[in-house]
């Protein structure tokens, strides 16, 4: 179900930049964190709160390896 929601979101915002797509996916991820037990919530929110700039920097570093 999550993948369908993400796919529909990406399709619906075709023409938007990578940042907008990333932000929308992260929003969906944060929404999903609310469904987790409190013991997993903080870790989930930390993963889902990484900024696009941080993500892009890590992605570029991994591509250079």
N, C-alpha and C. Protein backbone atom coordinates (compact mmCIF):
# COMPACT_ATOMS: atom_id res chain seq x y z
N UNK A 1 0.82 -1.20 0.00
CA UNK A 1 0.00 0.00 0.00
C UNK A 1 0.86 1.25 0.00
N UNK A 2 1.93 1.24 0.81
CA UNK A 2 2.81 2.40 0.89
C UNK A 2 3.43 2.71 -0.47
N UNK A 3 3.86 1.67 -1.17
CA UNK A 3 4.49 1.88 -2.48
C UNK A 3 3.50 2.46 -3.48
N UNK A 4 2.26 2.03 -3.41
CA UNK A 4 1.24 2.56 -4.31
C UNK A 4 1.03 4.05 -4.03
N UNK A 5 0.97 4.41 -2.75
CA UNK A 5 0.79 5.81 -2.38
C UNK A 5 1.97 6.64 -2.87
N UNK A 6 3.16 6.14 -2.68
CA UNK A 6 4.36 6.87 -3.14
C UNK A 6 4.35 7.00 -4.65
N UNK A 7 4.05 5.92 -5.35
CA UNK A 7 4.01 5.96 -6.81
C UNK A 7 2.96 6.95 -7.31
N UNK A 8 1.79 6.93 -6.71
CA UNK A 8 0.74 7.86 -7.11
C UNK A 8 1.16 9.30 -6.84
N UNK A 9 1.84 9.51 -5.74
CA UNK A 9 2.31 10.85 -5.41
C UNK A 9 3.32 11.33 -6.43
N UNK A 10 4.25 10.47 -6.77
CA UNK A 10 5.28 10.84 -7.75
C UNK A 10 4.65 11.13 -9.10
N UNK A 11 3.72 10.30 -9.51
CA UNK A 11 3.04 10.52 -10.79
C UNK A 11 2.26 11.82 -10.78
N UNK A 12 1.61 12.11 -9.65
CA UNK A 12 0.77 13.31 -9.59
C UNK A 12 1.57 14.60 -9.59
N UNK A 13 2.83 14.52 -9.21
CA UNK A 13 3.64 15.75 -9.19
C UNK A 13 4.70 15.74 -10.28
N UNK A 14 4.44 14.99 -11.34
CA UNK A 14 5.36 14.97 -12.46
C UNK A 14 5.58 16.41 -12.94
N UNK A 15 6.80 16.72 -13.21
CA UNK A 15 7.14 18.07 -13.60
C UNK A 15 7.74 18.85 -12.45
N UNK A 16 7.57 18.38 -11.22
CA UNK A 16 8.20 19.02 -10.07
C UNK A 16 9.64 18.53 -9.98
N UNK A 17 10.44 19.28 -9.28
CA UNK A 17 11.84 18.93 -9.15
C UNK A 17 12.05 17.78 -8.18
N UNK A 18 13.29 17.30 -8.18
CA UNK A 18 13.66 16.21 -7.29
C UNK A 18 13.43 16.56 -5.83
N UNK A 19 13.66 17.80 -5.48
CA UNK A 19 13.47 18.23 -4.09
C UNK A 19 12.02 18.07 -3.66
N UNK A 20 11.10 18.45 -4.52
CA UNK A 20 9.67 18.34 -4.18
C UNK A 20 9.27 16.88 -4.04
N UNK A 21 9.78 16.04 -4.91
CA UNK A 21 9.48 14.61 -4.82
C UNK A 21 10.04 14.05 -3.52
N UNK A 22 11.29 14.38 -3.20
CA UNK A 22 11.91 13.91 -1.96
C UNK A 22 11.12 14.39 -0.75
N UNK A 23 10.76 15.66 -0.73
CA UNK A 23 10.02 16.20 0.41
C UNK A 23 8.68 15.50 0.59
N UNK A 24 8.02 15.20 -0.50
CA UNK A 24 6.72 14.52 -0.42
C UNK A 24 6.88 13.10 0.10
N UNK A 25 7.90 12.40 -0.34
CA UNK A 25 8.16 11.04 0.16
C UNK A 25 8.48 11.09 1.64
N UNK A 26 9.28 12.06 2.06
CA UNK A 26 9.61 12.18 3.48
C UNK A 26 8.36 12.49 4.31
N UNK A 27 7.48 13.30 3.78
CA UNK A 27 6.22 13.58 4.47
C UNK A 27 5.41 12.30 4.66
N UNK A 28 5.34 11.49 3.62
CA UNK A 28 4.64 10.21 3.73
C UNK A 28 5.33 9.30 4.75
N UNK A 29 6.65 9.32 4.77
CA UNK A 29 7.39 8.50 5.73
C UNK A 29 7.11 8.95 7.17
N UNK A 30 7.07 10.27 7.39
CA UNK A 30 6.76 10.78 8.73
C UNK A 30 5.35 10.39 9.15
N UNK A 31 4.43 10.40 8.20
CA UNK A 31 3.06 9.98 8.48
C UNK A 31 3.05 8.51 8.92
N UNK A 32 3.83 7.68 8.25
CA UNK A 32 3.90 6.27 8.60
C UNK A 32 4.54 6.06 9.97
N UNK A 33 5.45 6.94 10.38
CA UNK A 33 6.08 6.83 11.69
C UNK A 33 5.04 6.88 12.81
N UNK A 34 3.99 7.63 12.59
CA UNK A 34 2.96 7.78 13.62
C UNK A 34 2.24 6.47 13.90
N UNK A 35 2.35 5.52 13.00
CA UNK A 35 1.69 4.23 13.17
C UNK A 35 2.55 3.25 13.97
N UNK A 36 3.79 3.61 14.22
CA UNK A 36 4.71 2.70 14.92
C UNK A 36 4.59 2.83 16.42
N UNK A 37 5.04 1.80 17.14
CA UNK A 37 5.09 1.90 18.60
C UNK A 37 6.04 3.03 19.01
N UNK A 38 5.80 3.62 20.17
CA UNK A 38 6.59 4.75 20.64
C UNK A 38 8.08 4.41 20.70
N UNK A 39 8.41 3.14 20.94
CA UNK A 39 9.81 2.73 21.02
C UNK A 39 10.53 2.86 19.68
N UNK A 40 9.81 2.87 18.58
CA UNK A 40 10.40 2.98 17.24
C UNK A 40 10.16 4.35 16.61
N UNK A 41 9.29 5.12 17.20
CA UNK A 41 8.87 6.39 16.61
C UNK A 41 10.03 7.38 16.43
N UNK A 42 10.85 7.59 17.47
CA UNK A 42 11.93 8.58 17.38
C UNK A 42 12.94 8.24 16.29
N UNK A 43 13.32 6.98 16.21
CA UNK A 43 14.27 6.56 15.19
C UNK A 43 13.68 6.74 13.79
N UNK A 44 12.43 6.39 13.65
CA UNK A 44 11.75 6.55 12.37
C UNK A 44 11.69 8.02 11.96
N UNK A 45 11.33 8.88 12.90
CA UNK A 45 11.25 10.31 12.60
C UNK A 45 12.61 10.90 12.25
N UNK A 46 13.65 10.41 12.89
CA UNK A 46 15.00 10.90 12.57
C UNK A 46 15.36 10.56 11.12
N UNK A 47 15.05 9.32 10.71
CA UNK A 47 15.32 8.92 9.32
C UNK A 47 14.47 9.72 8.35
N UNK A 48 13.24 10.01 8.72
CA UNK A 48 12.30 10.68 7.82
C UNK A 48 12.45 12.20 7.84
N UNK A 49 13.38 12.71 8.64
CA UNK A 49 13.55 14.16 8.74
C UNK A 49 14.84 14.67 8.11
N UNK A 50 15.55 13.79 7.42
CA UNK A 50 16.79 14.21 6.76
C UNK A 50 16.45 15.20 5.64
N UNK A 51 17.13 16.30 5.62
CA UNK A 51 16.85 17.32 4.60
C UNK A 51 17.30 16.83 3.22
N UNK A 52 16.74 17.45 2.20
CA UNK A 52 17.11 17.10 0.83
C UNK A 52 18.59 17.36 0.61
N UNK A 53 19.11 18.46 1.16
CA UNK A 53 20.52 18.78 0.98
C UNK A 53 21.42 17.71 1.59
N UNK A 54 21.06 17.22 2.78
CA UNK A 54 21.83 16.13 3.41
C UNK A 54 21.75 14.86 2.55
N UNK A 55 20.54 14.55 2.10
CA UNK A 55 20.35 13.38 1.25
C UNK A 55 21.19 13.48 -0.02
N UNK A 56 21.14 14.62 -0.67
CA UNK A 56 21.86 14.80 -1.94
C UNK A 56 23.37 14.71 -1.72
N UNK A 57 23.87 15.27 -0.63
CA UNK A 57 25.29 15.19 -0.32
C UNK A 57 25.72 13.73 -0.13
N UNK A 58 24.95 12.98 0.65
CA UNK A 58 25.26 11.56 0.85
C UNK A 58 25.17 10.78 -0.44
N UNK A 59 24.19 11.10 -1.26
CA UNK A 59 24.03 10.40 -2.54
C UNK A 59 25.23 10.64 -3.44
N UNK A 60 25.68 11.89 -3.50
CA UNK A 60 26.84 12.21 -4.33
C UNK A 60 28.10 11.52 -3.82
N UNK A 61 28.28 11.48 -2.50
CA UNK A 61 29.43 10.79 -1.93
C UNK A 61 29.41 9.31 -2.27
N UNK A 62 28.24 8.70 -2.23
CA UNK A 62 28.13 7.28 -2.56
C UNK A 62 28.37 7.01 -4.06
N UNK A 63 27.99 7.94 -4.89
CA UNK A 63 28.23 7.79 -6.33
C UNK A 63 29.72 7.86 -6.66
N UNK A 64 30.47 8.62 -5.87
CA UNK A 64 31.89 8.79 -6.12
C UNK A 64 32.71 7.59 -5.68
N UNK A 65 32.13 6.73 -4.86
CA UNK A 65 32.86 5.56 -4.36
C UNK A 65 33.01 4.49 -5.41
